[in-house]
Amino acid sequence: MLQPLQPELSENAIPCMGIVPNQLGNMDVKISAMDLDPMTNRANGLMLAAALAVALFGQGLRAQESAVGRRFIEPPPIPNAPATLGGLDRVASGQAYDAYAESHSTLHDFEVEVIGDGAPAINGPGAINEYALQDFLTLACQHNPTLRQARLQISAETAKALQAGLYPNPFLRYSGEQIGVDVEGDKDSPGEFQGMIVSQRFVTGGKLRLSREKYMRRAHVSQHLAMAQQFRVCNDVRIHFYRALAAKEILSLQKELAKTAEDSAVTAQELYNQGQATRPEVRKANIDLQRARLAILSAENDYRQKFRQLLSVVGVSLTEGELIGELMPDAEPMSYQDALSMVLSESPEIAAARAKLAADRVTIQREKVQWIPDVIAEGGAGYNFDAKETTATAGIGIQLPVFDRNQGTIRQAQLDYQRQQHEIRRTELELEQRLAAVYQQYLSALQIATEYNRLILPEARLAYEELLRSYQDNRVDWPTVLSAQKDYADARLALVSQLEQIRTNDVLIRGYLLHGGLMAAPGPTPPGHIDSVPKPR
């Protein structure tokens, strides 16, 4: 009986499959032509097809693996500078940012010029105007409309005092009696008497003196209110000046952060070229760079806003320029008790309330003498046609205070006086409430700024310098240095924000908590107060 022939396998061939493992794609399968068994041939065919499929898949994988490292994919490019939309605001058209973007479009080195007092100087075409705090204070005292209103309020009360103390004018009248009466020898006679009569009211009880004193005391109230308005304006000028100064320093620091972000973007691309960074890491660096550029635009717009708000309080239009000043306070810190004692003893608001109380006291005195009747005297001369001679006339009269002795008005004046006593206390409590909030912000900012100056800022700077030296000695990589540089700039930004808070609240405390330089100056008489007669009295 004939035995079926077995396939002859070459050396290193896999039995029954004919696949040489070390030579993919080169199958070495030998099948004897004497093999006539149909079942065996069918099985061998299926096994051969599977082996061919596996060999082709492995060959494709090996070809794909062989392409890795042979083709370089460019990293994501560094984005262009964002649009400033300068046409929307020609003054705030991003001049400083445009200059920055021009100089950094090709990733040049970034430098910020700082003048002696710490404010950043942006060099541009033409001369840059410089403004100090005293310049704005002088201009505000000359041009702020609320200060003029307050001064006019004083003049108005002085004019009332002048008018209230003037003596009444005499009254001249013509008198003719029995004109056209028929007498003997004259059917239509000119009458019995014709002549001129003068009358005069004589004011009693010291009414004019008290009226003038009352309005002079109200003028004194207006003086305190004008002083309070001057503090409001000057405090607002100082606050907006320091805010604009802080915004300018923040703009300078944002430019430094943008330079750090540019260095990070360039470093990410270099690391990608060396195979040490991925494309998502490069894209993240580009996003951080664009955010830093947008932060420059926001800081520049914020500075423009603060500068314009400052000019609105001053009351004049000025070209944009450099602010000369220091954010760091130069005065000794004030304790809460000292601040409270100063505010309660020197506040113009309390002084105005006390002056108003004195005016109300005089008002009571004035109303108490109002019922005393004035004397009205009259006299005149004329011709008596009946007696055929010149005659004179005289008269005197008073108003009898039988029913009206000014009781209601006196009571109203007394109630106003009592109300003003409570107004003084209310003003003191309101100042204490406002001082509590302002002093808390002042103290918190002072504590934070002190620690930043004492520890955080020096430590951040030393960490950056040590990492920079370590990088020069090839002990750390460059991204670590850039991270320390960013931390140092962030610490300086935080310090600027705290210094702005210190300056703002220090101005409010030393300025008796007054602000609102464009709020209309109040008058000396509150709503509902006694002022009930047409002519001041």
Protein backbone atom coordinates (compact mmCIF):
# COMPACT_ATOMS: atom_id res chain seq x y z
CA MET A 1 0.00 0.00 0.00
CA LEU A 2 1.36 3.31 -1.01
CA GLN A 3 1.93 5.85 1.80
CA PRO A 4 1.09 9.55 1.14
CA LEU A 5 4.10 11.69 0.53
CA GLN A 6 4.95 14.27 3.27
CA PRO A 7 5.94 17.82 2.37
CA GLU A 8 9.63 18.38 2.31
CA LEU A 9 10.45 21.34 4.52
CA SER A 10 13.45 23.46 4.02
CA GLU A 11 15.76 24.22 6.92
CA ASN A 12 14.18 26.47 9.56
CA ALA A 13 10.72 25.98 8.01
CA ILE A 14 7.67 25.69 10.29
CA PRO A 15 6.20 22.20 9.99
CA CYS A 16 2.89 21.87 8.14
CA MET A 17 2.92 25.63 7.25
CA GLY A 18 6.08 26.08 5.24
CA ILE A 19 6.82 29.57 6.76
CA VAL A 20 10.37 30.62 7.29
CA PRO A 21 10.21 32.82 10.41
CA ASN A 22 13.35 34.84 9.67
CA GLN A 23 12.39 35.63 6.11
CA LEU A 24 8.92 37.11 6.11
CA GLY A 25 7.44 37.12 2.66
CA ASN A 26 9.79 34.46 1.40
CA MET A 27 7.84 31.24 1.89
CA ASP A 28 9.75 28.05 1.41
CA VAL A 29 7.12 25.30 1.20
CA LYS A 30 7.69 22.13 -0.78
CA ILE A 31 4.77 19.84 -1.46
CA SER A 32 5.30 16.61 -3.20
CA ALA A 33 3.45 16.09 -6.39
CA MET A 34 2.78 12.52 -5.31
CA ASP A 35 0.37 13.78 -2.63
CA LEU A 36 -2.96 12.87 -4.09
CA ASP A 37 -5.08 12.89 -0.91
CA PRO A 38 -7.83 15.54 -1.50
CA MET A 39 -8.47 16.17 2.19
CA THR A 40 -4.82 16.71 2.88
CA ASN A 41 -4.52 19.09 -0.06
CA ARG A 42 -7.51 21.15 1.11
CA ALA A 43 -6.12 21.48 4.65
CA ASN A 44 -2.73 22.43 3.38
CA GLY A 45 -4.31 25.10 1.14
CA LEU A 46 -6.18 26.73 4.03
CA MET A 47 -3.08 26.74 6.17
CA LEU A 48 -1.09 28.29 3.35
CA ALA A 49 -3.63 31.12 2.86
CA ALA A 50 -3.61 31.95 6.58
CA ALA A 51 0.15 31.98 6.60
CA LEU A 52 0.21 34.35 3.63
CA ALA A 53 -2.22 36.77 5.39
CA VAL A 54 -0.16 36.81 8.58
CA ALA A 55 3.00 37.39 6.60
CA LEU A 56 1.53 40.33 4.68
CA PHE A 57 0.22 42.02 7.90
CA GLY A 58 3.59 41.68 9.61
CA GLN A 59 5.33 43.08 6.55
CA GLY A 60 3.02 46.16 6.65
CA LEU A 61 3.74 46.78 10.32
CA ARG A 62 7.45 46.53 9.75
CA ALA A 63 7.23 48.98 6.86
CA GLN A 64 5.28 51.44 9.02
CA GLU A 65 7.80 51.12 11.87
CA SER A 66 10.63 51.70 9.49
CA ALA A 67 9.04 55.14 8.53
CA VAL A 68 9.23 56.46 12.11
CA GLY A 69 12.17 58.85 12.48
CA ARG A 70 12.70 59.10 8.74
CA ARG A 71 10.19 62.02 8.18
CA PHE A 72 10.23 65.30 10.33
CA ILE A 73 6.89 66.96 11.15
CA GLU A 74 7.17 70.71 11.70
CA PRO A 75 6.06 71.97 15.14
CA PRO A 76 3.03 74.31 15.40
CA PRO A 77 4.21 77.83 14.49
CA ILE A 78 4.35 80.64 17.03
CA PRO A 79 1.14 82.71 16.58
CA ASN A 80 1.14 86.28 15.34
CA ALA A 81 0.38 89.18 17.65
CA PRO A 82 -3.37 89.71 18.27
CA ALA A 83 -5.23 92.53 16.57
CA THR A 84 -5.41 95.71 18.66
CA LEU A 85 -8.57 97.09 16.96
CA GLY A 86 -7.02 100.52 17.23
CA GLY A 87 -9.69 102.10 15.04
CA LEU A 88 -12.22 101.78 17.85
CA ASP A 89 -10.19 104.03 20.14
CA ARG A 90 -7.55 106.11 18.45
CA VAL A 91 -6.10 107.31 21.71
CA ALA A 92 -6.05 103.80 23.14
CA SER A 93 -5.01 102.21 19.85
CA GLY A 94 -2.41 100.00 21.47
CA GLN A 95 0.54 102.28 20.76
CA ALA A 96 2.66 100.78 23.48
CA TYR A 97 1.55 97.28 22.51
CA ASP A 98 2.10 97.95 18.81
CA ALA A 99 5.64 99.03 19.55
CA TYR A 100 6.07 95.92 21.65
CA ALA A 101 4.61 93.67 18.95
CA GLU A 102 6.84 95.21 16.30
CA SER A 103 9.95 94.64 18.32
CA HIS A 104 8.91 91.08 19.28
CA SER A 105 7.39 89.81 16.07
CA THR A 106 10.68 88.05 15.40
CA LEU A 107 11.28 87.17 19.07
CA HIS A 108 13.91 89.79 19.80
CA ASP A 109 15.09 90.47 23.32
CA PHE A 110 12.68 92.46 25.44
CA GLU A 111 13.73 95.39 27.61
CA VAL A 112 11.65 97.83 29.66
CA GLU A 113 13.06 101.25 30.42
CA VAL A 114 12.29 102.34 33.97
CA ILE A 115 12.66 105.92 35.14
CA GLY A 116 13.94 106.87 38.56
CA ASP A 117 10.67 106.65 40.48
CA GLY A 118 9.76 103.23 39.23
CA ALA A 119 7.21 104.18 36.56
CA PRO A 120 7.75 102.56 33.15
CA ALA A 121 8.75 104.91 30.34
CA ILE A 122 7.40 104.07 26.88
CA ASN A 123 9.56 105.69 24.25
CA GLY A 124 7.77 106.85 21.16
CA PRO A 125 7.86 109.58 18.56
CA GLY A 126 7.77 113.05 20.04
CA ALA A 127 8.16 114.23 23.58
CA ILE A 128 6.23 112.57 26.38
CA ASN A 129 4.56 114.88 28.89
CA GLU A 130 5.23 114.19 32.54
CA TYR A 131 2.64 114.81 35.27
CA ALA A 132 3.13 114.78 39.01
CA LEU A 133 0.40 114.48 41.62
CA GLN A 134 0.71 118.14 42.60
CA ASP A 135 0.02 119.17 38.99
CA PHE A 136 -3.33 117.38 39.01
CA LEU A 137 -4.24 118.76 42.44
CA THR A 138 -3.55 122.31 41.29
CA LEU A 139 -5.61 121.85 38.13
CA ALA A 140 -8.49 120.27 40.05
CA CYS A 141 -8.67 123.20 42.49
CA GLN A 142 -8.97 125.53 39.51
CA HIS A 143 -11.27 123.60 37.20
CA ASN A 144 -13.38 121.10 39.14
CA PRO A 145 -16.98 122.40 38.91
CA THR A 146 -18.08 121.09 42.30
CA LEU A 147 -15.51 123.29 44.06
CA ARG A 148 -16.95 126.31 42.27
CA GLN A 149 -20.43 125.23 43.35
CA ALA A 150 -19.30 125.00 46.96
CA ARG A 151 -17.76 128.48 46.83
CA LEU A 152 -20.91 129.89 45.26
CA GLN A 153 -22.92 128.27 48.04
CA ILE A 154 -20.96 130.33 50.58
CA SER A 155 -21.58 133.49 48.59
CA ALA A 156 -25.29 132.71 48.39
CA GLU A 157 -25.61 132.35 52.16
CA THR A 158 -23.64 135.56 52.69
CA ALA A 159 -26.00 137.34 50.33
CA LYS A 160 -28.95 136.00 52.32
CA ALA A 161 -27.39 137.37 55.50
CA LEU A 162 -26.98 140.75 53.86
CA GLN A 163 -30.59 140.78 52.70
CA ALA A 164 -31.98 139.54 56.01
CA GLY A 165 -30.33 142.38 57.93
CA LEU A 166 -31.48 145.25 55.73
CA TYR A 167 -33.94 147.74 57.25
CA PRO A 168 -37.39 147.98 55.61
CA ASN A 169 -37.86 150.73 53.06
CA PRO A 170 -40.18 153.66 53.90
CA PHE A 171 -43.57 153.85 52.19
CA LEU A 172 -44.69 157.09 50.47
CA ARG A 173 -48.30 157.65 49.44
CA TYR A 174 -50.57 160.47 48.28
CA SER A 175 -53.74 161.17 50.20
CA GLY A 176 -56.74 163.22 49.05
CA GLU A 177 -59.95 163.49 51.06
CA GLN A 178 -63.47 164.40 49.86
CA ILE A 179 -62.38 165.32 46.37
CA GLY A 180 -65.21 166.99 44.36
CA VAL A 181 -67.44 167.80 47.31
CA ASP A 182 -69.80 170.79 46.81
CA VAL A 183 -69.06 173.69 49.05
CA GLU A 184 -70.34 177.26 49.16
CA GLY A 185 -69.02 179.17 46.21
CA ASP A 186 -67.49 176.10 44.57
CA LYS A 187 -69.62 173.36 43.15
CA ASP A 188 -66.71 170.93 42.45
CA SER A 189 -64.08 171.64 45.12
CA PRO A 190 -60.68 169.85 45.29
CA GLY A 191 -61.72 168.38 48.62
CA GLU A 192 -60.89 168.90 52.20
CA PHE A 193 -57.28 167.67 52.35
CA GLN A 194 -54.64 166.75 49.83
CA GLY A 195 -51.02 165.88 50.68
CA MET A 196 -48.18 163.33 50.87
CA ILE A 197 -47.80 160.80 53.70
CA VAL A 198 -44.69 158.74 54.54
CA SER A 199 -44.86 155.56 56.65
CA GLN A 200 -42.04 153.51 58.13
CA ARG A 201 -41.95 150.16 59.93
CA PHE A 202 -39.60 150.10 62.91
CA VAL A 203 -38.32 146.56 63.58
CA THR A 204 -38.23 145.62 67.23
CA GLY A 205 -36.84 142.75 69.27
CA GLY A 206 -33.51 142.58 67.43
CA LYS A 207 -35.08 140.68 64.54
CA LEU A 208 -32.73 142.01 61.87
CA ARG A 209 -29.63 141.28 63.94
CA LEU A 210 -30.73 137.73 64.64
CA SER A 211 -31.73 137.15 61.02
CA ARG A 212 -28.33 138.28 59.82
CA GLU A 213 -26.56 136.15 62.43
CA LYS A 214 -28.58 133.09 61.46
CA TYR A 215 -27.60 133.31 57.81
CA MET A 216 -24.00 134.13 58.62
CA ARG A 217 -23.89 130.92 60.62
CA ARG A 218 -25.35 129.09 57.65
CA ALA A 219 -22.57 130.60 55.58
CA HIS A 220 -20.19 129.14 58.16
CA VAL A 221 -21.85 125.75 57.58
CA SER A 222 -21.27 126.23 53.84
CA GLN A 223 -17.60 126.87 54.51
CA HIS A 224 -17.26 123.51 56.27
CA LEU A 225 -19.15 121.82 53.46
CA ALA A 226 -16.85 123.50 50.92
CA MET A 227 -13.88 122.16 52.87
CA ALA A 228 -15.41 118.70 52.79
CA GLN A 229 -15.94 119.04 49.04
CA GLN A 230 -12.32 120.04 48.59
CA PHE A 231 -11.26 116.89 50.45
CA ARG A 232 -13.57 114.84 48.21
CA VAL A 233 -12.00 116.25 45.08
CA CYS A 234 -8.40 116.03 46.30
CA ASN A 235 -8.91 112.51 47.64
CA ASP A 236 -10.40 111.41 44.34
CA VAL A 237 -7.49 112.95 42.44
CA ARG A 238 -4.99 111.14 44.67
CA ILE A 239 -6.85 107.82 44.44
CA HIS A 240 -7.17 107.93 40.65
CA PHE A 241 -3.55 109.07 40.33
CA TYR A 242 -2.26 106.08 42.31
CA ARG A 243 -4.57 103.74 40.43
CA ALA A 244 -3.24 105.01 37.11
CA LEU A 245 0.31 104.73 38.44
CA ALA A 246 -0.33 101.12 39.48
CA ALA A 247 -1.88 100.37 36.09
CA LYS A 248 1.25 101.71 34.41
CA GLU A 249 3.50 99.47 36.48
CA ILE A 250 1.23 96.50 35.82
CA LEU A 251 1.57 97.20 32.09
CA SER A 252 5.35 97.10 32.43
CA LEU A 253 5.22 93.80 34.33
CA GLN A 254 2.82 92.29 31.80
CA LYS A 255 5.40 93.01 29.11
CA GLU A 256 8.00 91.13 31.15
CA LEU A 257 5.59 88.21 31.48
CA ALA A 258 5.01 88.29 27.73
CA LYS A 259 8.78 88.06 27.20
CA THR A 260 8.86 85.03 29.50
CA ALA A 261 5.98 83.48 27.55
CA GLU A 262 7.86 84.06 24.29
CA ASP A 263 10.95 82.38 25.70
CA SER A 264 8.78 79.46 26.80
CA ALA A 265 7.28 79.15 23.31
CA VAL A 266 10.71 79.16 21.68
CA THR A 267 12.01 76.66 24.24
CA ALA A 268 9.06 74.34 23.61
CA GLN A 269 9.82 74.35 19.88
CA GLU A 270 13.50 73.60 20.48
CA LEU A 271 12.63 70.74 22.83
CA TYR A 272 10.22 69.42 20.23
CA ASN A 273 12.97 69.49 17.61
CA GLN A 274 15.14 67.46 19.96
CA GLY A 275 12.36 64.98 20.62
CA GLN A 276 11.91 66.05 24.24
CA ALA A 277 8.50 67.73 23.90
CA THR A 278 5.24 66.81 22.24
CA ARG A 279 3.07 68.84 19.91
CA PRO A 280 0.39 69.44 22.60
CA GLU A 281 3.09 70.93 24.81
CA VAL A 282 4.12 73.27 22.01
CA ARG A 283 0.52 74.28 21.46
CA LYS A 284 0.07 74.98 25.17
CA ALA A 285 3.13 77.24 25.10
CA ASN A 286 1.64 79.11 22.13
CA ILE A 287 -1.65 79.55 23.99
CA ASP A 288 0.18 80.92 27.04
CA LEU A 289 2.06 83.33 24.79
CA GLN A 290 -1.11 84.65 23.20
CA ARG A 291 -2.75 85.05 26.60
CA ALA A 292 0.25 87.06 27.77
CA ARG A 293 -0.05 89.30 24.72
CA LEU A 294 -3.74 89.82 25.39
CA ALA A 295 -2.88 90.66 28.99
CA ILE A 296 -0.72 93.50 27.64
CA LEU A 297 -3.68 94.88 25.70
CA SER A 298 -5.93 94.61 28.77
CA ALA A 299 -3.34 96.34 30.95
CA GLU A 300 -2.91 99.12 28.41
CA ASN A 301 -6.68 99.64 28.15
CA ASP A 302 -6.93 99.65 31.95
CA TYR A 303 -4.27 102.35 32.15
CA ARG A 304 -6.13 104.47 29.59
CA GLN A 305 -9.31 104.10 31.61
CA LYS A 306 -7.61 105.11 34.87
CA PHE A 307 -5.93 108.10 33.22
CA ARG A 308 -9.21 109.31 31.72
CA GLN A 309 -11.04 108.93 35.04
CA LEU A 310 -8.30 111.03 36.62
CA LEU A 311 -8.77 113.74 34.02
CA SER A 312 -12.56 113.72 34.54
CA VAL A 313 -12.10 114.54 38.24
CA VAL A 314 -9.52 117.22 37.43
CA GLY A 315 -11.89 118.85 34.94
CA VAL A 316 -9.46 119.46 32.09
CA SER A 317 -8.35 117.62 28.96
CA LEU A 318 -4.69 116.67 28.78
CA THR A 319 -2.64 114.63 26.38
CA GLU A 320 -1.57 111.28 27.71
CA GLY A 321 1.83 111.28 29.38
CA GLU A 322 3.99 109.76 32.07
CA LEU A 323 2.96 109.84 35.72
CA ILE A 324 5.71 110.72 38.16
CA GLY A 325 5.22 109.25 41.60
CA GLU A 326 5.80 106.37 44.02
CA LEU A 327 3.34 103.66 44.96
CA MET A 328 5.23 102.82 48.13
CA PRO A 329 3.73 104.86 51.01
CA ASP A 330 6.12 107.32 52.62
CA ALA A 331 4.04 108.01 55.76
CA GLU A 332 4.14 105.97 58.94
CA PRO A 333 1.32 103.41 59.32
CA MET A 334 -1.60 104.70 61.38
CA SER A 335 -3.27 102.73 64.14
CA TYR A 336 -7.03 102.34 64.23
CA GLN A 337 -7.40 104.40 67.41
CA ASP A 338 -5.34 107.24 65.96
CA ALA A 339 -7.35 107.14 62.76
CA LEU A 340 -10.66 107.11 64.63
CA SER A 341 -9.60 109.97 66.90
CA MET A 342 -8.45 112.05 63.92
CA VAL A 343 -11.63 111.46 61.92
CA LEU A 344 -14.01 112.21 64.79
CA SER A 345 -12.16 115.34 65.89
CA GLU A 346 -11.23 116.85 62.52
CA SER A 347 -13.81 115.64 60.00
CA PRO A 348 -15.37 118.51 58.02
CA GLU A 349 -18.67 116.62 58.00
CA ILE A 350 -18.87 116.67 61.80
CA ALA A 351 -17.72 120.29 61.85
CA ALA A 352 -20.50 121.19 59.40
CA ALA A 353 -23.07 119.32 61.52
CA ARG A 354 -21.97 121.20 64.64
CA ALA A 355 -22.03 124.53 62.81
CA LYS A 356 -25.53 123.69 61.63
CA LEU A 357 -26.54 123.08 65.24
CA ALA A 358 -25.30 126.58 66.14
CA ALA A 359 -27.31 128.03 63.26
CA ASP A 360 -30.41 126.19 64.48
CA ARG A 361 -29.88 127.63 67.96
CA VAL A 362 -29.93 131.14 66.50
CA THR A 363 -33.01 130.19 64.48
CA ILE A 364 -34.88 129.41 67.69
CA GLN A 365 -33.90 132.80 69.11
CA ARG A 366 -35.02 134.48 65.92
CA GLU A 367 -38.41 132.80 65.90
CA LYS A 368 -39.00 133.59 69.56
CA VAL A 369 -38.88 137.36 68.85
CA GLN A 370 -40.94 137.16 65.70
CA TRP A 371 -44.22 137.72 67.56
CA ILE A 372 -42.99 141.02 69.07
CA PRO A 373 -44.97 143.63 67.07
CA ASP A 374 -43.12 146.14 64.97
CA VAL A 375 -44.05 149.80 65.23
CA ILE A 376 -45.48 151.41 62.11
CA ALA A 377 -45.32 155.21 62.13
CA GLU A 378 -46.49 157.61 59.46
CA GLY A 379 -46.57 161.31 58.91
CA GLY A 380 -47.26 163.80 56.17
CA ALA A 381 -48.21 167.31 55.14
CA GLY A 382 -50.79 168.81 52.79
CA TYR A 383 -53.22 171.61 52.16
CA ASN A 384 -56.59 171.80 53.77
CA PHE A 385 -58.85 173.47 51.26
CA ASP A 386 -61.63 173.80 53.81
CA ALA A 387 -59.52 175.72 56.30
CA LYS A 388 -57.49 177.38 53.59
CA GLU A 389 -54.19 176.50 55.24
CA THR A 390 -51.37 173.93 55.25
CA THR A 391 -51.83 171.08 57.67
CA ALA A 392 -49.91 167.97 58.79
CA THR A 393 -50.90 164.40 59.67
CA ALA A 394 -49.27 161.78 61.87
CA GLY A 395 -50.06 158.24 62.98
CA ILE A 396 -48.57 155.21 64.76
CA GLY A 397 -49.73 151.64 65.02
CA ILE A 398 -48.78 148.12 66.04
CA GLN A 399 -50.12 144.65 65.33
CA LEU A 400 -51.64 143.07 68.41
CA PRO A 401 -50.36 139.48 68.91
CA VAL A 402 -53.64 138.19 70.25
CA PHE A 403 -53.96 134.90 68.40
CA ASP A 404 -50.70 134.38 66.46
CA ARG A 405 -47.61 134.52 68.60
CA ASN A 406 -45.57 132.33 66.21
CA GLN A 407 -46.10 129.29 68.40
CA GLY A 408 -45.96 126.70 65.60
CA THR A 409 -42.82 128.05 63.99
CA ILE A 410 -41.03 128.23 67.34
CA ARG A 411 -41.93 124.60 67.99
CA GLN A 412 -40.72 123.60 64.54
CA ALA A 413 -37.39 125.37 65.11
CA GLN A 414 -36.96 123.60 68.43
CA LEU A 415 -37.63 120.22 66.83
CA ASP A 416 -35.13 120.99 64.07
CA TYR A 417 -32.57 121.78 66.75
CA GLN A 418 -33.19 118.43 68.42
CA ARG A 419 -33.01 116.65 65.10
CA GLN A 420 -29.66 118.27 64.40
CA GLN A 421 -28.34 117.03 67.75
CA HIS A 422 -29.12 113.48 66.66
CA GLU A 423 -27.65 114.24 63.22
CA ILE A 424 -24.27 114.90 64.81
CA ARG A 425 -24.35 111.52 66.52
CA ARG A 426 -25.55 109.82 63.36
CA THR A 427 -22.66 111.36 61.41
CA GLU A 428 -20.15 110.13 64.01
CA LEU A 429 -21.52 106.59 63.89
CA GLU A 430 -21.55 106.59 60.10
CA LEU A 431 -17.91 107.68 60.04
CA GLU A 432 -17.01 104.90 62.48
CA GLN A 433 -18.77 102.38 60.25
CA ARG A 434 -17.00 103.59 57.13
CA LEU A 435 -13.66 103.71 58.90
CA ALA A 436 -14.03 100.11 60.09
CA ALA A 437 -14.32 98.84 56.52
CA VAL A 438 -11.64 101.11 55.09
CA TYR A 439 -9.15 100.42 57.86
CA GLN A 440 -9.63 96.66 57.53
CA GLN A 441 -8.72 96.87 53.84
CA TYR A 442 -5.81 99.17 54.66
CA LEU A 443 -4.42 96.88 57.36
CA SER A 444 -4.80 93.69 55.30
CA ALA A 445 -3.04 95.24 52.30
CA LEU A 446 -0.32 96.62 54.57
CA GLN A 447 0.30 93.22 56.15
CA ILE A 448 0.46 91.46 52.79
CA ALA A 449 2.73 94.10 51.22
CA THR A 450 5.04 93.99 54.23
CA GLU A 451 5.50 90.23 53.90
CA TYR A 452 5.99 90.50 50.16
CA ASN A 453 8.73 93.08 50.69
CA ARG A 454 10.28 91.23 53.61
CA LEU A 455 10.24 87.61 52.41
CA ILE A 456 8.23 86.61 49.36
CA LEU A 457 9.73 88.98 46.80
CA PRO A 458 13.39 88.52 47.90
CA GLU A 459 12.95 84.75 48.03
CA ALA A 460 11.36 84.66 44.57
CA ARG A 461 14.19 86.76 43.19
CA LEU A 462 16.88 84.60 44.83
CA ALA A 463 15.19 81.44 43.54
CA TYR A 464 15.24 82.82 40.02
CA GLU A 465 18.90 83.90 40.27
CA GLU A 466 19.99 80.54 41.73
CA LEU A 467 18.16 78.61 39.02
CA LEU A 468 19.72 80.85 36.40
CA ARG A 469 23.20 80.04 37.73
CA SER A 470 22.29 76.36 37.87
CA TYR A 471 21.22 76.50 34.24
CA GLN A 472 24.54 78.08 33.31
CA ASP A 473 26.22 75.12 35.06
CA ASN A 474 23.99 72.67 33.13
CA ARG A 475 22.26 71.43 36.26
CA VAL A 476 18.66 72.46 35.41
CA ASP A 477 16.80 72.90 32.17
CA TRP A 478 15.69 76.25 30.77
CA PRO A 479 11.90 75.79 31.33
CA THR A 480 12.57 75.57 35.07
CA VAL A 481 14.34 78.94 34.93
CA LEU A 482 11.47 80.48 32.97
CA SER A 483 8.97 79.17 35.51
CA ALA A 484 10.94 80.83 38.34
CA GLN A 485 11.10 84.06 36.35
CA LYS A 486 7.32 83.99 35.88
CA ASP A 487 6.81 83.38 39.62
CA TYR A 488 8.98 86.39 40.39
CA ALA A 489 6.99 88.60 38.01
CA ASP A 490 3.70 87.31 39.48
CA ALA A 491 4.91 88.22 42.96
CA ARG A 492 5.72 91.74 41.78
CA LEU A 493 2.24 92.01 40.25
CA ALA A 494 0.67 90.97 43.53
CA LEU A 495 2.79 93.54 45.38
CA VAL A 496 1.67 96.33 43.02
CA SER A 497 -1.97 95.40 43.63
CA GLN A 498 -1.48 95.54 47.40
CA LEU A 499 0.38 98.85 47.22
CA GLU A 500 -2.52 100.30 45.25
CA GLN A 501 -4.89 99.17 48.00
CA ILE A 502 -2.65 100.71 50.66
CA ARG A 503 -2.48 104.04 48.85
CA THR A 504 -6.22 104.15 48.20
CA ASN A 505 -7.24 103.42 51.77
CA ASP A 506 -4.48 105.58 53.26
CA VAL A 507 -5.79 108.53 51.24
CA LEU A 508 -9.32 107.86 52.48
CA ILE A 509 -8.26 107.59 56.13
CA ARG A 510 -6.11 110.72 56.08
CA GLY A 511 -8.77 112.48 54.00
CA TYR A 512 -11.57 111.86 56.54
CA LEU A 513 -13.18 109.11 54.42
CA LEU A 514 -14.40 111.65 51.86
CA HIS A 515 -14.59 110.76 48.17
CA GLY A 516 -16.79 111.48 45.18
CA GLY A 517 -15.10 114.44 43.53
CA LEU A 518 -17.89 114.89 40.97
CA MET A 519 -20.77 114.71 43.43
CA ALA A 520 -22.60 118.03 43.72
CA ALA A 521 -21.72 120.03 46.81
CA PRO A 522 -24.56 119.82 49.39
CA GLY A 523 -26.31 122.90 50.74
CA PRO A 524 -26.35 124.00 54.38
CA THR A 525 -30.08 123.37 54.85
CA PRO A 526 -31.26 119.74 54.76
CA PRO A 527 -34.62 118.84 53.18
CA GLY A 528 -37.61 119.59 55.41
CA HIS A 529 -35.79 122.16 57.50
CA ILE A 530 -37.53 125.36 58.58
CA ASP A 531 -37.35 128.00 55.87
CA SER A 532 -40.97 128.94 55.55
CA VAL A 533 -41.21 132.65 54.74
CA PRO A 534 -40.70 134.37 51.39
CA LYS A 535 -38.25 136.87 52.80
CA PRO A 536 -35.40 135.40 54.84
CA ARG A 537 -35.71 136.17 58.51
